[in-house]
Protein backbone atom coordinates (compact mmCIF):
# COMPACT_ATOMS: atom_id res chain seq x y z
CA MET A 1 -31.72 -0.83 -5.12
CA TYR A 2 -27.73 -1.04 -5.51
CA LYS A 3 -27.65 2.03 -8.23
CA SER A 4 -30.07 3.99 -6.44
CA ILE A 5 -29.09 3.51 -2.75
CA ILE A 6 -26.01 1.78 -2.31
CA ARG A 7 -24.03 2.94 -5.11
CA PRO A 8 -24.31 6.64 -4.21
CA ILE A 9 -23.49 5.91 -0.54
CA PHE A 10 -20.20 4.01 -1.51
CA PHE A 11 -19.22 6.68 -4.32
CA ARG A 12 -18.74 9.40 -1.45
CA PHE A 13 -16.07 7.76 -0.21
CA ASP A 14 -12.37 6.81 -1.14
CA PRO A 15 -12.52 4.14 -3.74
CA GLU A 16 -9.78 2.07 -2.34
CA ASN A 17 -11.10 2.35 1.31
CA ILE A 18 -14.69 1.59 0.10
CA HIS A 19 -13.20 -1.63 -1.55
CA HIS A 20 -12.00 -2.99 1.88
CA PHE A 21 -15.16 -1.67 3.41
CA THR A 22 -17.23 -3.55 1.01
CA PHE A 23 -15.00 -6.90 1.56
CA THR A 24 -15.75 -6.26 5.37
CA LEU A 25 -19.47 -5.95 4.47
CA ILE A 26 -19.74 -9.06 2.31
CA ARG A 27 -17.69 -11.13 4.72
CA PHE A 28 -19.98 -10.16 7.63
CA PHE A 29 -23.41 -10.63 5.72
CA ASN A 30 -22.14 -14.26 4.77
CA LYS A 31 -21.18 -14.97 8.26
CA ILE A 32 -24.70 -14.40 9.54
CA GLY A 33 -26.34 -16.44 7.15
CA PHE A 34 -27.17 -14.19 4.06
CA GLY A 35 -25.15 -16.08 1.62
CA SER A 36 -28.19 -18.51 0.77
CA LEU A 37 -30.06 -15.40 0.23
CA PHE A 38 -27.60 -13.72 -2.22
CA ARG A 39 -27.66 -17.02 -3.94
CA SER A 40 -31.63 -16.95 -4.40
CA MET A 41 -31.34 -13.26 -5.55
CA TYR A 42 -28.56 -13.62 -7.86
CA LYS A 43 -27.41 -17.17 -8.95
CA VAL A 44 -29.17 -18.30 -12.22
CA GLU A 45 -28.63 -22.28 -12.45
CA ASN A 46 -29.53 -24.00 -15.97
CA PRO A 47 -27.56 -26.80 -17.82
CA LYS A 48 -27.68 -24.43 -21.06
CA LEU A 49 -25.41 -21.84 -19.36
CA GLU A 50 -22.47 -24.51 -18.81
CA ARG A 51 -19.48 -24.10 -20.80
CA GLU A 52 -16.81 -26.47 -21.28
CA VAL A 53 -13.63 -24.12 -22.10
CA PHE A 54 -9.85 -25.52 -22.20
CA GLY A 55 -10.89 -28.81 -20.59
CA LEU A 56 -12.90 -27.17 -17.51
CA LYS A 57 -16.62 -27.17 -16.99
CA PHE A 58 -17.78 -23.90 -15.91
CA PRO A 59 -21.32 -23.54 -14.55
CA ASN A 60 -21.85 -20.33 -16.43
CA PRO A 61 -19.79 -17.87 -18.59
CA VAL A 62 -19.63 -15.01 -16.21
CA GLY A 63 -16.71 -14.51 -14.32
CA LEU A 64 -14.89 -11.93 -11.96
CA ALA A 65 -11.73 -10.55 -13.21
CA ALA A 66 -8.61 -10.22 -11.53
CA GLY A 67 -7.88 -7.45 -9.48
CA PHE A 68 -11.13 -7.26 -7.09
CA ASP A 69 -9.91 -10.35 -4.96
CA LYS A 70 -6.22 -9.94 -5.29
CA ASP A 71 -5.54 -12.14 -2.19
CA ALA A 72 -8.07 -14.99 -2.34
CA LYS A 73 -9.63 -13.44 0.82
CA LEU A 74 -13.16 -13.66 -0.60
CA TYR A 75 -13.76 -15.68 -3.69
CA LYS A 76 -16.03 -18.19 -1.69
CA GLU A 77 -18.10 -15.05 -0.71
CA LEU A 78 -18.19 -13.30 -4.05
CA SER A 79 -19.18 -16.78 -5.81
CA ASN A 80 -22.60 -16.34 -3.88
CA PHE A 81 -23.29 -13.40 -6.43
CA GLY A 82 -23.74 -16.00 -9.35
CA PHE A 83 -20.35 -15.71 -10.67
CA GLY A 84 -19.24 -19.06 -12.98
CA PHE A 85 -15.75 -18.28 -11.90
CA ILE A 86 -13.23 -16.00 -10.01
CA GLU A 87 -10.01 -15.00 -10.96
CA ILE A 88 -7.65 -14.19 -8.07
CA GLY A 89 -4.61 -11.98 -8.13
CA THR A 90 -2.51 -10.46 -9.58
CA VAL A 91 -0.08 -12.29 -7.19
CA THR A 92 3.70 -12.02 -7.08
CA PRO A 93 6.46 -13.93 -5.44
CA ARG A 94 6.95 -11.48 -2.77
CA PRO A 95 4.61 -9.30 -0.82
CA GLN A 96 4.74 -5.69 -2.06
CA PRO A 97 2.79 -2.57 -1.31
CA GLY A 98 2.11 -1.23 -4.68
CA ASN A 99 2.19 2.32 -5.72
CA GLU A 100 1.76 5.35 -3.63
CA LYS A 101 -2.05 6.41 -2.71
CA PRO A 102 -4.18 7.75 -4.15
CA ARG A 103 -4.06 5.09 -6.67
CA LEU A 104 -7.43 4.41 -7.75
CA PHE A 105 -9.97 7.05 -9.30
CA ARG A 106 -13.67 6.86 -10.28
CA LEU A 107 -14.54 8.73 -13.65
CA LYS A 108 -18.35 8.77 -12.79
CA GLU A 109 -19.06 10.81 -16.14
CA ASP A 110 -17.77 8.08 -18.00
CA SER A 111 -18.67 5.07 -15.98
CA ALA A 112 -15.06 4.12 -15.81
CA ILE A 113 -12.03 3.48 -13.56
CA ILE A 114 -8.28 4.30 -13.46
CA ASN A 115 -6.04 2.48 -11.33
CA ARG A 116 -2.32 2.44 -10.81
CA MET A 117 -2.48 0.03 -8.05
CA GLY A 118 0.99 -1.86 -9.00
CA PHE A 119 0.25 -5.31 -8.17
CA ASN A 120 -0.33 -4.74 -4.45
CA ASN A 121 -0.69 -8.25 -2.86
CA GLY A 122 0.69 -10.22 0.22
CA GLY A 123 2.61 -12.47 -2.04
CA VAL A 124 1.65 -15.88 -3.56
CA ASP A 125 2.43 -17.88 -0.21
CA GLU A 126 -0.34 -15.90 1.60
CA ALA A 127 -2.60 -16.57 -1.04
CA VAL A 128 -2.21 -20.21 -1.32
CA GLU A 129 -2.61 -20.42 2.81
CA ARG A 130 -6.00 -18.95 2.37
CA LEU A 131 -6.77 -21.25 -0.56
CA LYS A 132 -5.86 -24.01 1.37
CA MET A 133 -8.00 -23.06 4.44
CA ASN A 134 -11.15 -22.20 2.33
CA CYS A 135 -11.38 -25.09 0.23
CA HIS A 136 -10.94 -27.44 3.19
CA SER A 137 -9.38 -30.20 1.12
CA GLU A 138 -6.09 -31.89 -0.10
CA PRO A 139 -4.70 -30.06 -3.36
CA PHE A 140 -6.69 -31.19 -6.42
CA ASN A 141 -5.70 -31.59 -9.88
CA SER A 142 -8.83 -31.91 -11.99
CA THR A 143 -12.35 -30.57 -12.10
CA GLN A 144 -13.40 -33.88 -10.87
CA ASP A 145 -11.51 -33.66 -7.99
CA ARG A 146 -12.94 -30.25 -6.91
CA PRO A 147 -14.73 -30.46 -3.32
CA HIS A 148 -18.51 -29.89 -3.79
CA GLY A 149 -19.54 -26.43 -4.09
CA ARG A 150 -15.91 -25.18 -4.55
CA VAL A 151 -15.92 -22.30 -7.27
CA LEU A 152 -13.76 -22.48 -10.35
CA ILE A 153 -10.53 -20.15 -9.43
CA GLY A 154 -8.22 -18.61 -11.88
CA GLY A 155 -4.55 -17.71 -10.74
CA ASN A 156 -3.39 -14.72 -12.40
CA ILE A 157 0.44 -14.23 -11.80
CA GLY A 158 2.81 -11.35 -12.13
CA LYS A 159 6.36 -10.34 -11.38
CA ASN A 160 7.59 -8.01 -8.63
CA LYS A 161 8.44 -4.85 -9.32
CA ILE A 162 11.97 -4.91 -8.64
CA THR A 163 12.54 -7.92 -10.64
CA PRO A 164 14.28 -7.06 -13.78
CA ASN A 165 12.47 -8.06 -17.03
CA GLU A 166 15.49 -10.41 -17.86
CA GLU A 167 14.55 -12.53 -14.48
CA ALA A 168 10.99 -11.99 -15.13
CA VAL A 169 10.34 -15.71 -16.07
CA ASN A 170 11.41 -16.85 -12.32
CA ASP A 171 8.87 -14.95 -10.61
CA TYR A 172 6.30 -16.25 -13.08
CA PHE A 173 7.75 -19.72 -12.15
CA ILE A 174 7.38 -19.30 -8.55
CA CYS A 175 3.74 -18.36 -8.65
CA PHE A 176 3.05 -20.91 -11.10
CA GLU A 177 4.43 -23.72 -8.77
CA ALA A 178 2.96 -22.48 -5.52
CA LEU A 179 -0.40 -22.07 -7.00
CA PHE A 180 -0.55 -25.07 -9.37
CA ASP A 181 -2.35 -27.63 -6.97
CA TYR A 182 -5.06 -24.83 -5.91
CA VAL A 183 -6.27 -22.94 -8.85
CA ASP A 184 -8.11 -24.09 -12.13
CA TYR A 185 -6.20 -22.46 -14.51
CA PHE A 186 -3.52 -19.83 -14.83
CA VAL A 187 -3.36 -16.36 -16.21
CA VAL A 188 0.07 -14.91 -17.44
CA ASN A 189 -0.17 -11.11 -16.88
CA VAL A 190 2.12 -8.96 -19.04
CA SER A 191 -0.11 -6.40 -19.72
CA SER A 192 -0.70 -4.35 -16.87
CA PRO A 193 0.46 -0.47 -17.40
CA ASN A 194 1.17 -0.16 -13.64
CA THR A 195 4.41 -2.03 -13.14
CA PRO A 196 7.51 -0.28 -14.88
CA ASN A 197 8.67 -1.93 -18.32
CA LEU A 198 6.27 -4.86 -17.41
CA ARG A 199 4.67 -4.27 -21.23
CA ALA A 200 7.70 -4.74 -22.76
CA LEU A 201 7.28 -8.58 -21.91
CA GLN A 202 4.35 -8.88 -24.50
CA GLU A 203 7.01 -8.50 -27.19
CA LYS A 204 7.62 -11.44 -29.38
CA LYS A 205 10.58 -13.04 -28.11
CA PRO A 206 10.35 -12.47 -24.34
CA LEU A 207 6.63 -13.56 -24.17
CA THR A 208 7.67 -16.64 -26.59
CA ASP A 209 10.32 -17.54 -24.02
CA LEU A 210 8.12 -17.05 -20.93
CA LEU A 211 5.34 -18.58 -21.80
CA GLN A 212 7.24 -21.69 -23.49
CA THR A 213 9.11 -21.95 -19.90
CA LEU A 214 5.96 -22.27 -18.25
CA GLN A 215 4.42 -24.60 -20.66
CA ASP A 216 7.28 -27.01 -20.64
CA ARG A 217 6.78 -27.38 -16.90
CA ASN A 218 3.31 -27.79 -17.00
CA ASN A 219 3.52 -30.47 -19.57
CA LEU A 220 5.86 -32.31 -16.90
CA LYS A 221 2.71 -32.61 -14.64
CA ALA A 222 0.81 -35.58 -13.86
CA LYS A 223 -2.22 -33.42 -15.16
CA ARG A 224 -1.44 -30.26 -16.81
CA LYS A 225 -3.56 -26.89 -16.32
CA PRO A 226 -4.87 -24.53 -18.73
CA ILE A 227 -2.45 -21.47 -19.00
CA LEU A 228 -4.08 -18.28 -20.62
CA LEU A 229 -2.22 -14.99 -21.68
CA LYS A 230 -3.84 -11.54 -20.85
CA ILE A 231 -3.34 -8.87 -23.14
CA ALA A 232 -3.35 -4.83 -23.55
CA PRO A 233 -6.08 -3.67 -25.54
CA ASP A 234 -3.39 -1.25 -26.89
CA LEU A 235 -1.53 -3.56 -29.16
CA THR A 236 -1.55 -3.14 -32.83
CA ASP A 237 -3.15 -5.43 -35.55
CA GLU A 238 0.75 -6.53 -35.97
CA GLN A 239 1.19 -7.33 -32.46
CA LEU A 240 -1.91 -9.08 -32.22
CA LEU A 241 -1.08 -11.59 -35.14
CA ASP A 242 2.23 -11.96 -33.30
CA ILE A 243 -0.15 -13.21 -30.34
CA ILE A 244 -1.91 -15.51 -32.52
CA GLU A 245 1.45 -16.89 -33.62
CA ILE A 246 2.63 -17.27 -30.00
CA VAL A 247 -0.42 -18.96 -28.96
CA ALA A 248 0.02 -21.48 -31.84
CA VAL A 249 3.70 -21.91 -31.14
CA THR A 250 3.57 -22.25 -27.37
CA LYS A 251 0.35 -24.17 -27.52
CA ILE A 252 -1.22 -22.27 -24.42
CA ASP A 253 -4.78 -22.64 -23.93
CA GLY A 254 -6.21 -19.19 -24.97
CA VAL A 255 -6.14 -15.43 -24.30
CA ILE A 256 -8.02 -12.96 -21.98
CA ALA A 257 -8.89 -9.53 -24.06
CA THR A 258 -8.65 -7.41 -22.62
CA ASN A 259 -6.78 -5.48 -19.87
CA THR A 260 -6.91 -1.67 -18.89
CA THR A 261 -5.91 0.97 -21.56
CA ILE A 262 -3.59 3.70 -21.48
CA SER A 263 -5.40 5.62 -23.96
CA ARG A 264 -7.99 8.49 -22.62
CA GLU A 265 -9.64 9.01 -25.97
CA GLY A 266 -12.87 10.38 -25.44
CA ILE A 267 -12.66 10.97 -21.86
CA SER A 268 -14.64 13.95 -20.34
CA SER A 269 -14.13 13.46 -16.73
CA GLY A 270 -11.98 15.93 -14.81
CA ASN A 271 -9.51 13.23 -13.61
CA ARG A 272 -8.85 11.63 -16.79
CA GLU A 273 -5.24 12.63 -16.67
CA GLU A 274 -4.41 10.52 -13.66
CA MET A 275 -1.43 8.01 -14.74
CA GLY A 276 -2.92 4.32 -14.77
CA GLY A 277 -4.95 1.84 -16.57
CA LEU A 278 -8.43 2.77 -17.66
CA SER A 279 -11.04 0.44 -17.18
CA GLY A 280 -14.95 0.60 -17.86
CA LYS A 281 -17.57 1.69 -20.58
CA PRO A 282 -14.65 3.60 -22.61
CA LEU A 283 -13.16 0.29 -23.09
CA THR A 284 -16.50 -1.47 -24.68
CA LYS A 285 -15.59 -1.06 -28.15
CA ARG A 286 -11.79 -1.42 -28.29
CA ALA A 287 -12.01 -4.68 -25.97
CA THR A 288 -14.62 -6.13 -28.68
CA GLU A 289 -12.44 -5.23 -31.70
CA VAL A 290 -9.63 -7.06 -30.01
CA ILE A 291 -11.98 -10.33 -29.58
CA ARG A 292 -13.14 -10.14 -33.21
CA PHE A 293 -10.00 -9.53 -34.66
CA LEU A 294 -7.99 -12.46 -32.33
CA SER A 295 -11.05 -14.85 -33.22
CA GLU A 296 -11.52 -14.54 -37.11
CA LYS A 297 -7.63 -14.08 -38.01
CA SER A 298 -7.00 -17.19 -35.65
CA ASN A 299 -10.14 -19.03 -37.35
CA LYS A 300 -11.32 -19.53 -33.48
CA SER A 301 -8.42 -21.88 -32.90
CA PHE A 302 -8.21 -21.00 -29.29
CA PRO A 303 -10.64 -19.91 -26.59
CA ILE A 304 -11.21 -16.15 -25.77
CA ILE A 305 -12.26 -14.66 -22.17
CA GLY A 306 -13.58 -11.30 -23.05
CA VAL A 307 -13.51 -8.41 -20.56
CA GLY A 308 -13.59 -4.68 -20.99
CA GLY A 309 -16.43 -2.43 -20.68
CA ILE A 310 -19.08 -4.92 -19.76
CA HIS A 311 -21.80 -2.81 -18.17
CA SER A 312 -24.96 -4.37 -19.89
CA ALA A 313 -26.28 -8.02 -20.91
CA ALA A 314 -25.88 -6.33 -24.25
CA ASP A 315 -22.62 -5.72 -23.85
CA ALA A 316 -21.76 -9.32 -22.81
CA LEU A 317 -23.56 -10.96 -25.56
CA GLU A 318 -21.67 -8.58 -28.03
CA LYS A 319 -18.35 -10.09 -26.81
CA LEU A 320 -19.74 -13.56 -27.09
CA GLU A 321 -20.95 -13.40 -30.59
CA ALA A 322 -17.50 -11.49 -31.36
CA GLY A 323 -15.90 -14.95 -30.42
CA ALA A 324 -15.50 -14.75 -26.82
CA SER A 325 -16.21 -18.16 -24.94
CA LEU A 326 -16.52 -16.58 -21.58
CA VAL A 327 -16.73 -13.09 -20.35
CA GLN A 328 -15.65 -11.35 -17.29
CA LEU A 329 -16.53 -8.21 -15.34
CA TYR A 330 -14.58 -5.91 -12.84
CA THR A 331 -15.77 -2.09 -13.51
CA GLY A 332 -19.27 -3.05 -14.61
CA PHE A 333 -19.76 -5.19 -11.51
CA ILE A 334 -18.75 -2.07 -9.38
CA TYR A 335 -20.96 0.57 -11.21
CA GLU A 336 -23.97 -1.81 -12.07
CA GLY A 337 -23.74 -4.10 -9.05
CA PRO A 338 -24.24 -7.84 -8.53
CA GLY A 339 -27.55 -8.16 -10.40
CA LEU A 340 -25.65 -7.45 -13.83
CA ILE A 341 -24.35 -11.16 -13.22
CA LYS A 342 -27.82 -12.41 -13.40
CA GLN A 343 -28.87 -10.30 -16.18
CA ILE A 344 -26.33 -11.36 -18.47
CA ASN A 345 -27.37 -15.02 -17.73
CA LYS A 346 -30.84 -14.50 -18.36
CA ALA A 347 -29.97 -12.63 -21.62
CA ILE A 348 -27.99 -15.71 -22.62
CA LEU A 349 -30.90 -18.48 -21.80
CA LYS A 350 -33.15 -15.98 -23.49
CA ARG A 351 -30.94 -16.07 -26.66
CA HIS A 352 -30.82 -19.76 -26.48
CA ARG A 353 -34.63 -20.09 -26.73
CA THR A 354 -34.86 -17.63 -29.72
């Protein structure tokens, strides 16, 4: 139904406008009691789907990647589609409008999306207030403290556009402190191509310094939270080896591979030259290659969350087999619909039985 009726209608409209409309629609249906219907349609519950990764227990290994629910507006409702975890953000210390519109483009022929959103968000304080309101609880510091029914949440953090790279650590630190009591894990985003010079922070020294600063603060907490690094698919093998070394030195908890790509290799859609990060099917192979490289070269010394071009259960299984402990959806969720989450979880269970 989604691909034959709903998607063709949605794809007639501007991508960013329909994104906001979809939020309104999902919120409305949940308010009138459709949440339980969505859960019955899409949620797969089975102990064999549970994963314990970096000290957290995930009900299933399929998550929603950052960028979809930037401001923590809809994570509770989105969890009804069967996600095991949801990543909010990227959030920055201060609100910012992002880049000029239009800034989101569908590449239908390639089952892809180009975005140059530019970390548009309402600021970390606004996200925190929403997290407080929606969880109806005091701050929590462990999985065991989580209120019943509360979905696992990752906090994806970044820097404001106007903050120079030399001061970027302060922005990440502000977001880390503000979100600490309200998310289960953190993701340091230095790999978006849509904030000027941000990817320069992926270089070895600045990245080590940034992660070590956050880790030092993390270790002073009564109970630390996992910190992950999200990397670009455009890194060379040498740079990926640097990432492995940085993870070992800073002792962060894992890597998310990968963010969007600036490559346009093999793209046929007419708007392929739009500036921004490309996601979707064209990223499937490269994201899997990065996962496999990190897993093999590190001797599986840290967990990897695989994301990039997952449009089928087979795509997800391939990333898990390449070395990912968990997977995330974004563009595949938009093109394939919420049924994809159920398909992946059922395929994982089927693999267990064979």
